N, C-alpha and C. Protein backbone atom coordinates (compact mmCIF):
# COMPACT_ATOMS: atom_id res chain seq x y z
N MET A 1 72.52 95.06 81.71
CA MET A 1 73.73 95.85 81.60
C MET A 1 73.96 96.69 82.86
N LEU A 2 72.89 97.23 83.48
CA LEU A 2 73.03 97.96 84.64
C LEU A 2 73.57 97.13 85.85
N SER A 3 73.20 95.88 85.88
CA SER A 3 73.69 94.97 86.93
C SER A 3 75.19 94.72 86.77
N ASP A 4 75.60 94.58 85.48
CA ASP A 4 77.06 94.35 85.23
C ASP A 4 77.84 95.62 85.59
N MET A 5 77.25 96.82 85.27
CA MET A 5 77.91 98.03 85.68
C MET A 5 78.06 98.12 87.19
N ASP A 6 77.01 97.71 87.90
CA ASP A 6 77.03 97.73 89.34
C ASP A 6 78.09 96.78 89.87
N LYS A 7 78.25 95.59 89.29
CA LYS A 7 79.26 94.66 89.65
C LYS A 7 80.70 95.22 89.44
N ALA A 8 80.86 95.94 88.26
CA ALA A 8 82.16 96.47 87.91
C ALA A 8 82.54 97.57 88.95
N LEU A 9 81.58 98.43 89.33
CA LEU A 9 81.89 99.46 90.21
C LEU A 9 82.10 98.98 91.72
N SER A 10 81.28 97.94 92.02
CA SER A 10 81.57 97.44 93.38
C SER A 10 82.91 96.67 93.40
N SER A 11 83.22 96.09 92.33
CA SER A 11 84.58 95.36 92.27
C SER A 11 85.73 96.48 92.44
N TYR A 12 85.47 97.60 91.83
CA TYR A 12 86.47 98.69 91.92
C TYR A 12 86.59 99.13 93.39
N LEU A 13 85.44 99.26 94.06
CA LEU A 13 85.47 99.72 95.49
C LEU A 13 86.15 98.66 96.37
N GLN A 14 85.82 97.38 96.12
CA GLN A 14 86.41 96.25 96.87
C GLN A 14 87.97 96.27 96.67
N GLY A 15 88.37 96.56 95.39
CA GLY A 15 89.76 96.58 95.17
C GLY A 15 90.45 97.73 95.88
N GLN A 16 89.81 98.89 95.97
CA GLN A 16 90.35 99.99 96.64
C GLN A 16 90.49 99.72 98.13
N ILE A 17 89.55 99.07 98.65
CA ILE A 17 89.63 98.66 100.15
C ILE A 17 90.68 97.71 100.35
N LEU A 18 90.82 96.71 99.48
CA LEU A 18 91.85 95.71 99.67
C LEU A 18 93.27 96.39 99.56
N VAL A 19 93.42 97.29 98.64
CA VAL A 19 94.64 97.99 98.48
C VAL A 19 95.00 98.77 99.76
N SER A 20 94.01 99.38 100.28
CA SER A 20 94.13 100.17 101.56
C SER A 20 94.52 99.24 102.72
N VAL A 21 93.93 98.08 102.77
CA VAL A 21 94.39 97.14 103.84
C VAL A 21 95.84 96.77 103.66
N CYS A 22 96.24 96.49 102.47
CA CYS A 22 97.67 96.16 102.19
C CYS A 22 98.61 97.27 102.67
N VAL A 23 98.21 98.55 102.34
CA VAL A 23 99.04 99.71 102.74
C VAL A 23 99.01 99.77 104.25
N GLY A 24 97.91 99.56 104.89
CA GLY A 24 97.86 99.54 106.41
C GLY A 24 98.81 98.53 107.05
N ILE A 25 98.85 97.32 106.40
CA ILE A 25 99.67 96.28 107.01
C ILE A 25 101.14 96.62 106.75
N LEU A 26 101.51 97.15 105.57
CA LEU A 26 102.89 97.58 105.28
C LEU A 26 103.25 98.70 106.24
N CYS A 27 102.42 99.65 106.50
CA CYS A 27 102.71 100.75 107.41
C CYS A 27 102.87 100.22 108.81
N LEU A 28 102.12 99.20 109.26
CA LEU A 28 102.29 98.66 110.58
C LEU A 28 103.62 98.00 110.70
N ILE A 29 104.05 97.25 109.68
CA ILE A 29 105.32 96.61 109.71
C ILE A 29 106.42 97.69 109.77
N LEU A 30 106.33 98.75 109.00
CA LEU A 30 107.29 99.79 109.03
C LEU A 30 107.38 100.37 110.39
N TYR A 31 106.26 100.83 110.90
CA TYR A 31 106.16 101.55 112.23
C TYR A 31 106.77 100.65 113.33
N LEU A 32 106.37 99.38 113.31
CA LEU A 32 106.91 98.45 114.30
C LEU A 32 108.44 98.24 114.18
N SER A 33 108.84 98.15 112.95
CA SER A 33 110.30 97.88 112.73
C SER A 33 111.16 99.05 113.06
N ILE A 34 110.69 100.31 112.99
CA ILE A 34 111.53 101.44 113.39
C ILE A 34 111.19 101.83 114.86
N GLY A 35 110.29 101.13 115.56
CA GLY A 35 110.03 101.44 116.93
C GLY A 35 109.14 102.68 117.16
N LEU A 36 108.33 102.97 116.25
CA LEU A 36 107.43 104.22 116.38
C LEU A 36 106.32 103.86 117.42
N GLU A 37 106.13 104.77 118.35
CA GLU A 37 105.03 104.56 119.31
C GLU A 37 103.69 104.66 118.56
N TYR A 38 102.65 104.05 119.17
CA TYR A 38 101.32 103.95 118.62
C TYR A 38 101.27 103.47 117.19
N ALA A 39 102.04 102.48 116.90
CA ALA A 39 102.19 101.91 115.57
C ALA A 39 100.81 101.43 114.97
N LEU A 40 100.07 100.73 115.78
CA LEU A 40 98.81 100.14 115.38
C LEU A 40 97.87 101.19 115.02
N VAL A 41 97.71 102.25 115.85
CA VAL A 41 96.74 103.31 115.62
C VAL A 41 97.16 104.09 114.37
N LEU A 42 98.46 104.35 114.19
CA LEU A 42 98.93 105.13 113.10
C LEU A 42 98.72 104.38 111.79
N ALA A 43 98.98 103.04 111.86
CA ALA A 43 98.73 102.19 110.64
C ALA A 43 97.28 102.14 110.27
N ILE A 44 96.40 102.13 111.28
CA ILE A 44 94.94 102.18 110.92
C ILE A 44 94.54 103.46 110.29
N VAL A 45 95.11 104.54 110.85
CA VAL A 45 94.84 105.90 110.19
C VAL A 45 95.35 105.92 108.78
N ALA A 46 96.50 105.34 108.52
CA ALA A 46 97.11 105.33 107.18
C ALA A 46 96.21 104.44 106.25
N MET A 47 95.72 103.37 106.79
CA MET A 47 94.80 102.46 105.98
C MET A 47 93.55 103.19 105.65
N LEU A 48 92.90 103.85 106.60
CA LEU A 48 91.61 104.46 106.39
C LEU A 48 91.72 105.63 105.37
N THR A 49 92.80 106.41 105.57
CA THR A 49 92.95 107.53 104.65
C THR A 49 93.44 107.20 103.31
N ASN A 50 94.03 105.99 103.12
CA ASN A 50 94.50 105.58 101.84
C ASN A 50 93.36 105.32 100.81
N VAL A 51 92.15 105.18 101.34
CA VAL A 51 90.96 105.04 100.43
C VAL A 51 90.79 106.26 99.64
N ILE A 52 91.15 107.47 100.19
CA ILE A 52 91.03 108.71 99.45
C ILE A 52 92.23 108.75 98.47
N PRO A 53 91.89 108.71 97.17
CA PRO A 53 92.95 108.71 96.17
C PRO A 53 93.88 109.92 96.26
N PHE A 54 95.23 109.69 96.18
CA PHE A 54 96.21 110.69 96.02
C PHE A 54 96.47 111.63 97.17
N ILE A 55 95.52 112.16 97.87
CA ILE A 55 95.87 113.03 99.08
C ILE A 55 95.74 112.18 100.31
N GLY A 56 95.02 111.05 100.28
CA GLY A 56 94.86 110.20 101.47
C GLY A 56 96.23 109.72 102.09
N PRO A 57 97.12 109.29 101.23
CA PRO A 57 98.41 108.80 101.81
C PRO A 57 99.15 109.94 102.54
N TRP A 58 99.07 111.16 102.06
CA TRP A 58 99.69 112.26 102.70
C TRP A 58 99.00 112.63 104.05
N ILE A 59 97.65 112.54 104.02
CA ILE A 59 96.93 112.77 105.29
C ILE A 59 97.24 111.71 106.31
N GLY A 60 97.36 110.49 105.93
CA GLY A 60 97.64 109.37 106.74
C GLY A 60 99.07 109.37 107.27
N THR A 61 100.01 109.96 106.52
CA THR A 61 101.33 110.04 106.99
C THR A 61 101.61 111.11 108.05
N ALA A 62 100.84 112.15 108.01
CA ALA A 62 100.99 113.37 108.87
C ALA A 62 101.01 112.97 110.36
N PRO A 63 100.06 112.17 110.85
CA PRO A 63 100.06 111.82 112.23
C PRO A 63 101.33 111.05 112.64
N ALA A 64 101.85 110.18 111.82
CA ALA A 64 103.01 109.42 111.97
C ALA A 64 104.24 110.34 112.13
N VAL A 65 104.28 111.30 111.29
CA VAL A 65 105.40 112.32 111.24
C VAL A 65 105.35 113.09 112.57
N ILE A 66 104.20 113.46 112.98
CA ILE A 66 104.02 114.24 114.23
C ILE A 66 104.53 113.45 115.41
N VAL A 67 104.04 112.17 115.54
CA VAL A 67 104.49 111.27 116.57
C VAL A 67 106.02 111.11 116.51
N ALA A 68 106.59 110.96 115.29
CA ALA A 68 108.00 110.77 115.16
C ALA A 68 108.80 111.98 115.58
N LEU A 69 108.22 113.19 115.42
CA LEU A 69 108.86 114.47 115.81
C LEU A 69 109.20 114.41 117.31
N PHE A 70 108.30 113.83 118.06
CA PHE A 70 108.56 113.76 119.60
C PHE A 70 109.67 112.74 119.92
N ASP A 71 110.11 111.97 119.00
CA ASP A 71 111.17 110.95 119.20
C ASP A 71 112.50 111.51 118.82
N SER A 72 112.67 111.62 117.46
CA SER A 72 113.97 112.14 116.94
C SER A 72 113.85 112.54 115.54
N PRO A 73 114.76 113.40 114.95
CA PRO A 73 114.74 113.73 113.54
C PRO A 73 114.96 112.46 112.66
N PHE A 74 115.77 111.50 113.23
CA PHE A 74 115.98 110.26 112.49
C PHE A 74 114.70 109.53 112.32
N MET A 75 113.83 109.50 113.28
CA MET A 75 112.58 108.81 113.22
C MET A 75 111.69 109.45 112.22
N VAL A 76 111.71 110.79 112.16
CA VAL A 76 110.90 111.47 111.11
C VAL A 76 111.37 111.10 109.72
N LEU A 77 112.66 111.10 109.49
CA LEU A 77 113.23 110.69 108.22
C LEU A 77 112.88 109.20 107.86
N ALA A 78 112.97 108.30 108.89
CA ALA A 78 112.63 106.93 108.64
C ALA A 78 111.17 106.78 108.26
N VAL A 79 110.29 107.52 108.92
CA VAL A 79 108.83 107.42 108.65
C VAL A 79 108.62 107.95 107.17
N ILE A 80 109.14 109.09 106.88
CA ILE A 80 108.94 109.67 105.46
C ILE A 80 109.47 108.75 104.42
N LEU A 81 110.74 108.30 104.56
CA LEU A 81 111.35 107.42 103.58
C LEU A 81 110.51 106.07 103.49
N GLY A 82 110.20 105.54 104.55
CA GLY A 82 109.43 104.28 104.64
C GLY A 82 108.08 104.39 103.97
N VAL A 83 107.38 105.48 104.15
CA VAL A 83 106.11 105.68 103.57
C VAL A 83 106.21 105.96 102.05
N LEU A 84 107.26 106.63 101.64
CA LEU A 84 107.53 106.85 100.28
C LEU A 84 107.73 105.49 99.52
N VAL A 85 108.47 104.63 100.17
CA VAL A 85 108.81 103.30 99.54
C VAL A 85 107.44 102.57 99.48
N ILE A 86 106.63 102.55 100.57
CA ILE A 86 105.37 101.89 100.61
C ILE A 86 104.44 102.37 99.48
N GLN A 87 104.38 103.67 99.32
CA GLN A 87 103.56 104.23 98.34
C GLN A 87 104.01 103.85 96.92
N GLN A 88 105.36 103.79 96.69
CA GLN A 88 105.79 103.34 95.36
C GLN A 88 105.45 101.89 95.13
N ILE A 89 105.58 101.09 96.15
CA ILE A 89 105.19 99.60 96.08
C ILE A 89 103.67 99.50 95.77
N GLU A 90 102.88 100.34 96.49
CA GLU A 90 101.40 100.32 96.34
C GLU A 90 101.06 100.77 94.93
N SER A 91 101.62 101.79 94.41
CA SER A 91 101.23 102.36 93.09
C SER A 91 101.70 101.54 91.92
N ASN A 92 102.88 100.96 92.07
CA ASN A 92 103.37 100.21 90.92
C ASN A 92 103.24 98.72 90.92
N LEU A 93 102.94 98.16 92.08
CA LEU A 93 102.74 96.65 92.17
C LEU A 93 101.42 96.29 92.73
N ILE A 94 101.10 96.70 93.94
CA ILE A 94 99.87 96.20 94.59
C ILE A 94 98.63 96.61 93.85
N SER A 95 98.53 97.95 93.70
CA SER A 95 97.26 98.50 93.09
C SER A 95 96.96 97.94 91.67
N PRO A 96 97.92 97.95 90.76
CA PRO A 96 97.60 97.39 89.49
C PRO A 96 97.19 95.92 89.50
N GLN A 97 97.93 95.16 90.36
CA GLN A 97 97.56 93.68 90.43
C GLN A 97 96.18 93.48 91.04
N ILE A 98 95.89 94.17 92.15
CA ILE A 98 94.58 93.89 92.79
C ILE A 98 93.44 94.47 91.94
N MET A 99 93.60 95.70 91.43
CA MET A 99 92.55 96.31 90.59
C MET A 99 92.37 95.51 89.30
N GLY A 100 93.45 95.07 88.76
CA GLY A 100 93.39 94.21 87.55
C GLY A 100 92.60 92.93 87.79
N ARG A 101 92.87 92.27 88.87
CA ARG A 101 92.12 91.09 89.18
C ARG A 101 90.70 91.31 89.54
N GLN A 102 90.42 92.39 90.29
CA GLN A 102 89.07 92.66 90.69
C GLN A 102 88.21 92.94 89.43
N LEU A 103 88.77 93.76 88.54
CA LEU A 103 88.03 94.21 87.35
C LEU A 103 88.25 93.30 86.11
N ASN A 104 89.06 92.24 86.24
CA ASN A 104 89.33 91.37 85.11
C ASN A 104 90.02 92.16 84.03
N VAL A 105 91.04 92.99 84.34
CA VAL A 105 91.78 93.79 83.41
C VAL A 105 93.30 93.56 83.70
N HIS A 106 94.05 93.51 82.65
CA HIS A 106 95.41 93.33 82.80
C HIS A 106 96.11 94.44 83.62
N PRO A 107 97.06 94.21 84.53
CA PRO A 107 97.62 95.27 85.34
C PRO A 107 98.33 96.35 84.49
N VAL A 108 98.93 95.97 83.40
CA VAL A 108 99.56 96.93 82.51
C VAL A 108 98.48 97.94 81.94
N THR A 109 97.27 97.40 81.67
CA THR A 109 96.21 98.25 81.18
C THR A 109 95.91 99.36 82.31
N ILE A 110 95.82 98.94 83.52
CA ILE A 110 95.55 99.85 84.59
C ILE A 110 96.60 100.93 84.69
N ILE A 111 97.85 100.51 84.59
CA ILE A 111 98.97 101.43 84.66
C ILE A 111 98.90 102.48 83.49
N PHE A 112 98.65 101.85 82.29
CA PHE A 112 98.52 102.73 81.12
C PHE A 112 97.34 103.71 81.25
N LEU A 113 96.16 103.26 81.70
CA LEU A 113 95.04 104.11 81.92
C LEU A 113 95.41 105.33 82.86
N LEU A 114 96.12 105.04 83.96
CA LEU A 114 96.45 106.03 84.90
C LEU A 114 97.37 107.03 84.32
N LEU A 115 98.36 106.49 83.57
CA LEU A 115 99.39 107.40 82.98
C LEU A 115 98.66 108.32 81.93
N VAL A 116 97.81 107.79 81.09
CA VAL A 116 97.13 108.57 80.06
C VAL A 116 96.11 109.56 80.78
N ALA A 117 95.39 109.09 81.75
CA ALA A 117 94.47 109.91 82.42
C ALA A 117 95.12 111.09 83.10
N SER A 118 96.25 110.85 83.75
CA SER A 118 96.95 111.91 84.47
C SER A 118 97.47 112.93 83.52
N ARG A 119 97.90 112.46 82.41
CA ARG A 119 98.47 113.35 81.36
C ARG A 119 97.42 114.30 80.80
N PHE A 120 96.25 113.75 80.49
CA PHE A 120 95.22 114.52 79.78
C PHE A 120 94.18 115.18 80.74
N ALA A 121 93.90 114.64 81.92
CA ALA A 121 92.86 115.13 82.74
C ALA A 121 93.34 115.44 84.19
N GLY A 122 94.62 115.29 84.39
CA GLY A 122 95.17 115.64 85.77
C GLY A 122 94.59 114.79 86.81
N LEU A 123 94.31 115.38 88.03
CA LEU A 123 93.87 114.65 89.22
C LEU A 123 92.50 114.02 89.00
N LEU A 124 91.54 114.79 88.34
CA LEU A 124 90.29 114.27 88.09
C LEU A 124 90.32 113.04 87.20
N GLY A 125 91.23 113.06 86.18
CA GLY A 125 91.36 111.88 85.38
C GLY A 125 91.94 110.67 86.13
N LEU A 126 92.82 110.89 87.09
CA LEU A 126 93.28 109.80 87.90
C LEU A 126 92.21 109.23 88.76
N LEU A 127 91.34 110.05 89.27
CA LEU A 127 90.22 109.60 90.10
C LEU A 127 89.20 108.73 89.33
N LEU A 128 88.98 109.18 88.07
CA LEU A 128 87.87 108.59 87.36
C LEU A 128 88.31 107.58 86.30
N ALA A 129 89.59 107.43 86.02
CA ALA A 129 90.05 106.55 84.96
C ALA A 129 89.62 105.09 85.07
N VAL A 130 89.89 104.49 86.15
CA VAL A 130 89.65 103.04 86.29
C VAL A 130 88.15 102.80 86.33
N PRO A 131 87.33 103.52 87.19
CA PRO A 131 85.88 103.17 87.19
C PRO A 131 85.22 103.53 85.87
N THR A 132 85.69 104.57 85.16
CA THR A 132 85.10 104.91 83.84
C THR A 132 85.48 103.77 82.82
N TYR A 133 86.70 103.25 82.93
CA TYR A 133 87.07 102.10 82.04
C TYR A 133 86.25 100.95 82.29
N ALA A 134 86.01 100.62 83.59
CA ALA A 134 85.21 99.41 83.97
C ALA A 134 83.79 99.59 83.44
N VAL A 135 83.16 100.72 83.60
CA VAL A 135 81.80 100.83 83.04
C VAL A 135 81.86 100.84 81.51
N GLY A 136 82.80 101.47 80.90
CA GLY A 136 82.95 101.50 79.48
C GLY A 136 83.11 100.07 78.87
N LYS A 137 83.87 99.29 79.62
CA LYS A 137 84.04 97.94 79.16
C LYS A 137 82.84 97.13 79.18
N VAL A 138 81.95 97.33 80.22
CA VAL A 138 80.62 96.66 80.25
C VAL A 138 79.75 97.13 79.09
N ILE A 139 79.79 98.38 78.85
CA ILE A 139 78.88 98.94 77.75
C ILE A 139 79.34 98.33 76.41
N VAL A 140 80.69 98.39 76.20
CA VAL A 140 81.16 97.90 74.93
C VAL A 140 80.91 96.39 74.75
N SER A 141 81.11 95.57 75.82
CA SER A 141 80.86 94.17 75.70
C SER A 141 79.40 93.83 75.51
N HIS A 142 78.44 94.58 76.14
CA HIS A 142 77.09 94.39 75.87
C HIS A 142 76.70 94.82 74.51
N THR A 143 77.19 95.89 74.02
CA THR A 143 76.90 96.39 72.67
C THR A 143 77.36 95.35 71.62
N TYR A 144 78.59 94.86 71.90
CA TYR A 144 79.11 93.81 70.98
C TYR A 144 78.25 92.55 70.89
N ARG A 145 77.81 92.15 72.07
CA ARG A 145 76.96 90.93 72.20
C ARG A 145 75.63 91.23 71.42
N LEU A 146 75.11 92.40 71.63
CA LEU A 146 73.82 92.76 70.92
C LEU A 146 73.94 92.79 69.43
N ILE A 147 75.00 93.38 68.89
CA ILE A 147 75.23 93.43 67.48
C ILE A 147 75.45 92.02 67.00
N LYS A 148 76.17 91.17 67.68
CA LYS A 148 76.45 89.83 67.28
C LYS A 148 75.16 88.98 67.24
N LEU A 149 74.25 89.28 68.11
CA LEU A 149 72.97 88.54 68.12
C LEU A 149 72.08 89.03 67.04
N LYS A 150 72.15 90.28 66.70
CA LYS A 150 71.34 90.80 65.52
C LYS A 150 71.82 90.30 64.19
N ILE A 151 73.16 90.18 64.08
CA ILE A 151 73.73 89.68 62.83
C ILE A 151 73.43 88.16 62.73
N ALA A 152 73.49 87.42 63.81
CA ALA A 152 73.26 86.04 63.76
C ALA A 152 71.75 85.68 63.52
N LYS A 153 70.82 86.53 63.97
CA LYS A 153 69.42 86.30 63.83
C LYS A 153 68.74 87.59 63.22
N PRO A 154 68.73 87.74 61.90
CA PRO A 154 68.16 88.90 61.31
C PRO A 154 66.73 89.04 61.61
N VAL A 155 66.24 90.23 61.78
CA VAL A 155 64.87 90.53 62.07
C VAL A 155 64.10 90.68 60.76
N ASP A 156 62.87 90.04 60.67
CA ASP A 156 62.13 90.06 59.39
C ASP A 156 61.38 91.39 59.23
């Protein structure tokens, strides 16, 4: 059971890293398309900080906004709007799909978990909802298999 829990948690971490890479690529495309200087470096910063749930994207956007300030107010607006669109795509499409596949959970379940966790436990719930669900799923499936084995083979 502990081995399966380890696999579930490592799958969660792999999913988080994959989501962050996707965000980094989308940010690179955005920064290159609007002509922002240091696009590659800023996209890497966005990718690395996106691993931190919820505040990471804001931290990763700050350097791009600062660089855009040296160019023009239009560039700042383009960076902010572009990152908002990227974060919406990541939150509603990329993350549920990747996390669902990594953890063998339907993407709608991931979205539902995050909605319920944010409602009842706030930021902490958002941070812990998916890994807790993954570990809980392992525990429930192992318990179910154990009960099924005991029913099929009664002990004398």
